Amino acid sequence: MVFLHVRGLQKSIFTAIRVYDTTVSLNITKMEKKIVIAGGTGFIGKYLAEKFKTLGYQVIIISRNRAHIQWDDKDRIESALNCAEMLINLAGKSVNCRYNPKNKDEILSSRTITTKILGDAILNCENPPALWINSSTATIYRHAMDKPMTDKDGEIGTGFSVDVATSWENAFFDFQLPKTRQIALRMAIILGKGGGVMEPFVNLVHFGLGGKQGSGKQMFSWLHVEDLFNIILFLQKEKELSGVFNCSAPNPVDNATLMKSLRKVMKVSIGLPSPEWMLKMGAVLIGTETELILKSRWVLPDKVENAGYQFKFPTINEALEDILG
């Protein structure tokens, strides 16, 4: 009886050890599932980081924030990128500022220099990430009132913002990375809870200034932040896709329709318009540029739709109801 009891106890101990070893092994495997987000402390970066964590990824952030890997720490950047599944680069100074010489220089350099740091680090990796997604902007296209800009037929514009966008993409695609697929996302205005452009728009409506801005005819291309995340997952899965992708919802609206939709969701009946002269004065007072409101961004995501992506929030009303409803 004592012998049988000891045998049983030994069997239980060995079973427990095997279960423990298996659990440790699974946890190690899980920790090796790694995503790197550069410039990941803003509204979009924080959202993506939390979503990837729910999928079991270890998320590593590269940022000027000292809580994360610093841009001048090349060894840690290379270590983070080595064996990562994907790099997402969102780094860049906000364009919500006055375009004086100092800010212009920082807007450009904060995009091109960080992109070069990341590309050089990937070249030094023994096991580089399989996919590098670099942020770009739909502002690269011209002011479009006559027709939408598609991935294939979109016409590149002129001016400072366009120069920044083209320099950014050139810095990205200058790298020849045989082991890393490269995708540039020409992002429209990203909408989501608690960040991005929603707060200023909501404040305008709250204070009765939620009417059209300027003529109200300028097009507003947008994307729900959840669709942005899902597009990234889709592009990660579709391994034959690379190059430039318009990253916007399939149903852009004009500014007047946007403001009307906001008033409807927020149940505000009155919205005074803001003429262009008023917007120019206000932009100086709050330290921004009217281009952010008055440029007509009319962008369609033909390439990602043709590849099979289906939008969760294809219309502005669906997006605003989810964000503000």
Protein backbone atom coordinates (compact mmCIF):
# COMPACT_ATOMS: atom_id res chain seq x y z
CA MET A 1 0.00 0.00 0.00
CA VAL A 2 2.81 2.40 0.96
CA PHE A 3 4.64 1.48 -2.28
CA LEU A 4 1.55 2.19 -4.38
CA HIS A 5 1.01 5.46 -2.57
CA VAL A 6 4.62 6.54 -3.27
CA ARG A 7 4.30 5.48 -6.93
CA GLY A 8 1.11 7.52 -7.21
CA LEU A 9 2.76 10.53 -5.57
CA GLN A 10 5.73 10.30 -7.94
CA LYS A 11 3.40 10.10 -10.93
CA SER A 12 1.53 13.21 -9.76
CA ILE A 13 4.78 15.13 -9.26
CA PHE A 14 6.10 14.18 -12.73
CA THR A 15 2.75 15.11 -14.31
CA ALA A 16 2.84 18.49 -12.54
CA ILE A 17 6.40 19.09 -13.76
CA ARG A 18 5.43 18.26 -17.36
CA VAL A 19 2.41 20.60 -17.15
CA TYR A 20 4.63 23.36 -15.68
CA ASP A 21 7.25 22.87 -18.41
CA THR A 22 4.56 22.97 -21.09
CA THR A 23 3.07 26.15 -19.61
CA VAL A 24 6.48 27.82 -19.43
CA SER A 25 7.20 26.78 -23.02
CA LEU A 26 3.88 28.19 -24.22
CA ASN A 27 4.48 31.45 -22.36
CA ILE A 28 7.95 31.80 -23.88
CA THR A 29 6.52 31.18 -27.35
CA LYS A 30 3.83 33.75 -26.66
CA MET A 31 6.38 36.36 -25.55
CA GLU A 32 8.34 35.82 -28.76
CA LYS A 33 5.33 37.08 -30.73
CA LYS A 34 6.53 40.68 -31.07
CA ILE A 35 5.40 43.93 -32.70
CA VAL A 36 7.40 47.17 -32.73
CA ILE A 37 5.59 50.52 -32.98
CA ALA A 38 7.77 53.56 -33.64
CA GLY A 39 6.21 56.83 -32.57
CA GLY A 40 3.69 54.79 -30.61
CA THR A 41 2.74 57.25 -27.85
CA GLY A 42 0.10 59.25 -29.73
CA PHE A 43 -3.60 58.58 -30.21
CA ILE A 44 -3.15 56.03 -33.01
CA GLY A 45 -0.08 54.36 -31.50
CA LYS A 46 -1.73 53.82 -28.12
CA TYR A 47 -4.81 52.34 -29.78
CA LEU A 48 -2.78 49.93 -31.93
CA ALA A 49 -0.61 48.91 -28.98
CA GLU A 50 -3.61 47.95 -26.86
CA LYS A 51 -5.24 46.04 -29.71
CA PHE A 52 -2.08 44.04 -30.44
CA LYS A 53 -1.66 43.24 -26.75
CA THR A 54 -5.15 41.72 -26.72
CA LEU A 55 -3.94 39.41 -29.52
CA GLY A 56 -1.08 38.21 -27.33
CA TYR A 57 1.72 40.30 -28.82
CA GLN A 58 4.58 41.81 -26.91
CA VAL A 59 4.49 45.45 -28.03
CA ILE A 60 7.72 47.47 -27.98
CA ILE A 61 7.57 51.24 -28.42
CA ILE A 62 10.26 53.50 -29.89
CA SER A 63 9.69 57.10 -28.90
CA ARG A 64 11.17 60.34 -27.59
CA ASN A 65 9.35 59.49 -24.35
CA ARG A 66 11.95 58.18 -21.88
CA ALA A 67 9.62 55.40 -20.77
CA HIS A 68 10.39 53.68 -24.08
CA ILE A 69 13.35 52.96 -26.38
CA GLN A 70 14.99 56.24 -27.42
CA TRP A 71 15.77 57.11 -31.04
CA ASP A 72 19.49 57.46 -30.34
CA ASP A 73 19.75 53.96 -28.81
CA LYS A 74 20.61 52.04 -31.98
CA ASP A 75 21.52 48.81 -30.19
CA ARG A 76 18.15 48.56 -28.43
CA ILE A 77 16.31 49.46 -31.64
CA GLU A 78 18.08 46.66 -33.50
CA SER A 79 17.39 44.23 -30.66
CA ALA A 80 13.70 45.17 -30.65
CA LEU A 81 13.39 44.73 -34.42
CA ASN A 82 15.26 41.44 -34.52
CA CYS A 83 12.71 38.58 -34.68
CA ALA A 84 9.75 41.00 -34.61
CA GLU A 85 6.82 40.04 -36.83
CA MET A 86 6.11 43.60 -37.88
CA LEU A 87 7.30 47.20 -37.57
CA ILE A 88 4.74 50.00 -37.70
CA ASN A 89 6.24 53.49 -38.00
CA LEU A 90 4.01 56.41 -36.99
CA ALA A 91 6.81 58.79 -35.95
CA GLY A 92 6.59 62.45 -36.84
CA LYS A 93 5.94 65.87 -35.31
CA SER A 94 2.27 66.87 -35.39
CA VAL A 95 1.29 69.08 -38.33
CA ASN A 96 -1.19 70.86 -36.06
CA CYS A 97 1.06 73.92 -35.74
CA ARG A 98 2.05 77.07 -37.60
CA TYR A 99 4.25 76.40 -40.61
CA ASN A 100 7.14 78.66 -39.60
CA PRO A 101 10.72 77.67 -40.60
CA LYS A 102 11.48 75.93 -37.29
CA ASN A 103 8.30 73.84 -37.31
CA LYS A 104 8.69 73.03 -41.00
CA ASP A 105 12.18 71.69 -40.40
CA GLU A 106 11.00 69.56 -37.46
CA ILE A 107 7.97 68.22 -39.35
CA LEU A 108 10.22 67.03 -42.20
CA SER A 109 13.20 65.76 -40.21
CA SER A 110 11.07 63.95 -37.62
CA ARG A 111 9.75 61.78 -40.45
CA THR A 112 12.69 61.26 -42.76
CA ILE A 113 15.43 60.85 -40.12
CA THR A 114 13.46 58.37 -38.02
CA THR A 115 12.58 56.37 -41.13
CA LYS A 116 16.28 56.16 -42.04
CA ILE A 117 17.16 55.04 -38.49
CA LEU A 118 14.63 52.21 -38.74
CA GLY A 119 15.75 51.12 -42.21
CA ASP A 120 19.40 51.02 -41.16
CA ALA A 121 18.47 48.99 -38.09
CA ILE A 122 16.56 46.45 -40.20
CA LEU A 123 19.59 46.04 -42.47
CA ASN A 124 21.62 45.09 -39.39
CA CYS A 125 19.09 42.51 -38.13
CA GLU A 126 19.86 38.82 -38.45
CA ASN A 127 16.10 38.10 -38.43
CA PRO A 128 14.42 41.31 -39.59
CA PRO A 129 10.65 41.88 -39.38
CA ALA A 130 8.72 40.31 -42.24
CA LEU A 131 6.64 43.47 -42.70
CA TRP A 132 7.40 47.17 -42.29
CA ILE A 133 4.36 49.45 -42.47
CA ASN A 134 5.29 53.12 -42.70
CA SER A 135 2.79 55.87 -42.17
CA SER A 136 2.25 58.37 -44.98
CA THR A 137 -0.57 60.81 -45.63
CA ALA A 138 -3.44 61.36 -48.06
CA THR A 139 -2.35 65.01 -48.08
CA ILE A 140 0.18 63.94 -50.72
CA TYR A 141 -2.61 64.35 -53.32
CA ARG A 142 -3.67 67.67 -54.78
CA HIS A 143 -6.62 69.74 -53.58
CA ALA A 144 -9.35 67.71 -55.32
CA MET A 145 -12.84 69.08 -55.95
CA ASP A 146 -13.43 67.49 -59.36
CA LYS A 147 -12.66 63.80 -58.85
CA PRO A 148 -11.40 61.34 -56.23
CA MET A 149 -7.76 60.33 -55.93
CA THR A 150 -7.18 56.57 -56.16
CA ASP A 151 -4.02 54.56 -55.44
CA LYS A 152 -3.51 54.10 -59.17
CA ASP A 153 -4.58 57.44 -60.63
CA GLY A 154 -4.16 59.91 -57.76
CA GLU A 155 -2.39 63.14 -58.73
CA ILE A 156 0.40 64.34 -56.45
CA GLY A 157 -0.05 67.95 -55.34
CA THR A 158 2.31 70.83 -54.59
CA GLY A 159 3.32 72.79 -51.51
CA PHE A 160 5.02 72.16 -48.19
CA SER A 161 2.78 69.32 -46.96
CA VAL A 162 3.12 67.46 -50.24
CA ASP A 163 6.91 67.92 -50.21
CA VAL A 164 7.01 66.39 -46.71
CA ALA A 165 4.88 63.43 -47.80
CA THR A 166 6.94 62.69 -50.92
CA SER A 167 10.24 63.02 -49.02
CA TRP A 168 8.90 60.68 -46.35
CA GLU A 169 7.89 58.02 -48.88
CA ASN A 170 11.20 58.40 -50.76
CA ALA A 171 13.13 57.87 -47.52
CA PHE A 172 11.09 54.72 -46.92
CA PHE A 173 11.29 53.15 -50.38
CA ASP A 174 14.97 54.06 -50.82
CA PHE A 175 15.68 50.97 -48.69
CA GLN A 176 16.05 47.66 -50.52
CA LEU A 177 15.11 45.03 -47.93
CA PRO A 178 15.01 41.50 -49.39
CA LYS A 179 13.59 39.93 -46.21
CA THR A 180 11.12 42.70 -45.32
CA ARG A 181 7.94 43.58 -47.19
CA GLN A 182 7.33 47.35 -47.32
CA ILE A 183 3.95 49.12 -47.29
CA ALA A 184 3.26 52.86 -47.07
CA LEU A 185 -0.21 53.82 -45.82
CA ARG A 186 -1.48 57.12 -47.18
CA MET A 187 -3.75 57.78 -44.22
CA ALA A 188 -6.81 59.98 -44.31
CA ILE A 189 -8.03 61.70 -41.11
CA ILE A 190 -8.27 58.98 -38.43
CA LEU A 191 -11.39 59.11 -36.24
CA GLY A 192 -11.73 57.43 -32.85
CA LYS A 193 -12.73 57.86 -29.24
CA GLY A 194 -10.65 60.14 -27.07
CA GLY A 195 -8.19 61.43 -29.59
CA GLY A 196 -7.35 62.67 -33.03
CA VAL A 197 -9.53 65.40 -34.55
CA MET A 198 -12.70 64.43 -32.72
CA GLU A 199 -12.20 66.71 -29.71
CA PRO A 200 -11.96 70.02 -31.64
CA PHE A 201 -14.88 69.06 -33.88
CA VAL A 202 -16.99 68.09 -30.88
CA ASN A 203 -16.15 71.35 -29.12
CA LEU A 204 -17.23 73.37 -32.16
CA VAL A 205 -20.59 71.62 -32.21
CA HIS A 206 -21.04 72.01 -28.44
CA PHE A 207 -20.56 75.77 -28.68
CA GLY A 208 -22.95 76.17 -31.59
CA LEU A 209 -20.22 76.56 -34.24
CA GLY A 210 -20.86 73.23 -35.89
CA GLY A 211 -21.83 74.60 -39.29
CA LYS A 212 -19.89 74.30 -42.52
CA GLN A 213 -16.31 75.57 -42.58
CA GLY A 214 -15.35 77.75 -45.49
CA SER A 215 -17.47 76.82 -48.52
CA GLY A 216 -18.31 73.44 -46.97
CA LYS A 217 -17.71 71.85 -50.36
CA GLN A 218 -14.19 70.62 -49.64
CA MET A 219 -14.05 66.84 -49.36
CA PHE A 220 -13.26 65.12 -46.08
CA SER A 221 -11.64 61.70 -46.36
CA TRP A 222 -11.59 59.81 -43.09
CA LEU A 223 -11.13 56.37 -41.51
CA HIS A 224 -12.31 54.83 -38.24
CA VAL A 225 -9.30 53.81 -36.14
CA GLU A 226 -10.67 50.27 -35.80
CA ASP A 227 -10.65 49.90 -39.58
CA LEU A 228 -7.06 51.14 -39.57
CA PHE A 229 -6.13 48.33 -37.18
CA ASN A 230 -8.04 45.77 -39.24
CA ILE A 231 -6.41 46.97 -42.46
CA ILE A 232 -2.99 46.44 -40.85
CA LEU A 233 -3.99 42.88 -39.88
CA PHE A 234 -5.31 42.30 -43.40
CA LEU A 235 -2.07 43.51 -45.00
CA GLN A 236 -0.04 41.40 -42.59
CA LYS A 237 -1.98 38.30 -43.68
CA GLU A 238 -1.96 39.04 -47.44
CA LYS A 239 1.74 38.47 -47.97
CA GLU A 240 1.75 39.21 -51.69
CA LEU A 241 0.72 42.86 -51.11
CA SER A 242 3.29 45.67 -50.95
CA GLY A 243 3.80 49.26 -52.04
CA VAL A 244 1.51 52.25 -51.50
CA PHE A 245 -2.07 51.96 -50.22
CA ASN A 246 -4.69 54.66 -49.71
CA CYS A 247 -5.93 54.21 -46.17
CA SER A 248 -9.39 55.77 -46.02
CA ALA A 249 -13.05 54.82 -45.79
CA PRO A 250 -14.80 54.17 -49.12
CA ASN A 251 -17.37 56.94 -48.59
CA PRO A 252 -15.76 60.37 -48.10
CA VAL A 253 -18.10 63.31 -47.50
CA ASP A 254 -17.91 67.05 -47.99
CA ASN A 255 -17.33 69.31 -44.99
CA ALA A 256 -20.95 70.45 -44.77
CA THR A 257 -22.14 66.83 -44.61
CA LEU A 258 -19.55 66.00 -41.97
CA MET A 259 -20.70 68.84 -39.72
CA LYS A 260 -24.37 67.97 -40.29
CA SER A 261 -23.66 64.34 -39.31
CA LEU A 262 -21.85 65.49 -36.17
CA ARG A 263 -24.77 67.73 -35.16
CA LYS A 264 -27.21 64.87 -35.73
CA VAL A 265 -25.27 62.35 -33.63
CA MET A 266 -24.71 64.92 -30.86
CA LYS A 267 -28.36 66.09 -31.04
CA VAL A 268 -27.43 69.73 -31.58
CA SER A 269 -29.81 71.57 -33.89
CA ILE A 270 -27.91 74.83 -34.45
CA GLY A 271 -24.53 75.11 -36.14
CA LEU A 272 -23.21 78.50 -37.21
CA PRO A 273 -20.90 78.44 -40.24
CA SER A 274 -17.27 79.54 -40.08
CA PRO A 275 -16.27 81.63 -43.12
CA GLU A 276 -12.73 81.36 -44.44
CA TRP A 277 -11.61 84.75 -43.05
CA MET A 278 -12.72 83.67 -39.56
CA LEU A 279 -10.86 80.36 -39.86
CA LYS A 280 -7.67 82.16 -40.88
CA MET A 281 -7.88 84.46 -37.86
CA GLY A 282 -8.65 81.54 -35.55
CA ALA A 283 -5.76 79.49 -36.95
CA VAL A 284 -3.30 82.24 -36.03
CA LEU A 285 -4.76 82.54 -32.52
CA ILE A 286 -4.57 78.83 -31.73
CA GLY A 287 -1.30 78.17 -33.57
CA THR A 288 -2.37 76.00 -36.49
CA GLU A 289 -2.99 76.17 -40.27
CA THR A 290 -6.27 76.40 -42.18
CA GLU A 291 -5.01 73.74 -44.63
CA LEU A 292 -6.04 71.11 -42.09
CA ILE A 293 -9.69 72.17 -42.57
CA LEU A 294 -9.90 73.79 -45.99
CA LYS A 295 -7.86 71.44 -48.19
CA SER A 296 -10.15 69.11 -50.14
CA ARG A 297 -8.95 65.55 -49.51
CA TRP A 298 -10.95 63.24 -51.79
CA VAL A 299 -9.36 59.82 -51.52
CA LEU A 300 -10.65 56.32 -52.32
CA PRO A 301 -9.13 53.02 -51.05
CA ASP A 302 -9.44 51.10 -54.33
CA LYS A 303 -6.34 48.96 -53.86
CA VAL A 304 -7.19 47.56 -50.43
CA GLU A 305 -10.86 47.06 -51.40
CA ASN A 306 -9.90 45.23 -54.60
CA ALA A 307 -7.65 42.99 -52.50
CA GLY A 308 -10.71 41.93 -50.49
CA TYR A 309 -10.78 44.12 -47.38
CA GLN A 310 -14.30 44.81 -46.06
CA PHE A 311 -14.80 47.94 -43.94
CA LYS A 312 -16.50 47.71 -40.56
CA PHE A 313 -17.39 51.43 -40.68
CA PRO A 314 -17.90 52.33 -44.36
CA THR A 315 -20.03 55.48 -43.76
CA ILE A 316 -19.48 58.58 -41.65
CA ASN A 317 -22.76 58.09 -39.78
CA GLU A 318 -21.79 54.57 -38.70
CA ALA A 319 -18.38 55.80 -37.56
CA LEU A 320 -19.73 58.78 -35.60
CA GLU A 321 -22.48 56.70 -33.96
CA ASP A 322 -19.82 54.28 -32.71
CA ILE A 323 -17.50 57.04 -31.49
CA LEU A 324 -20.03 59.49 -30.03
CA GLY A 325 -23.35 57.67 -29.85
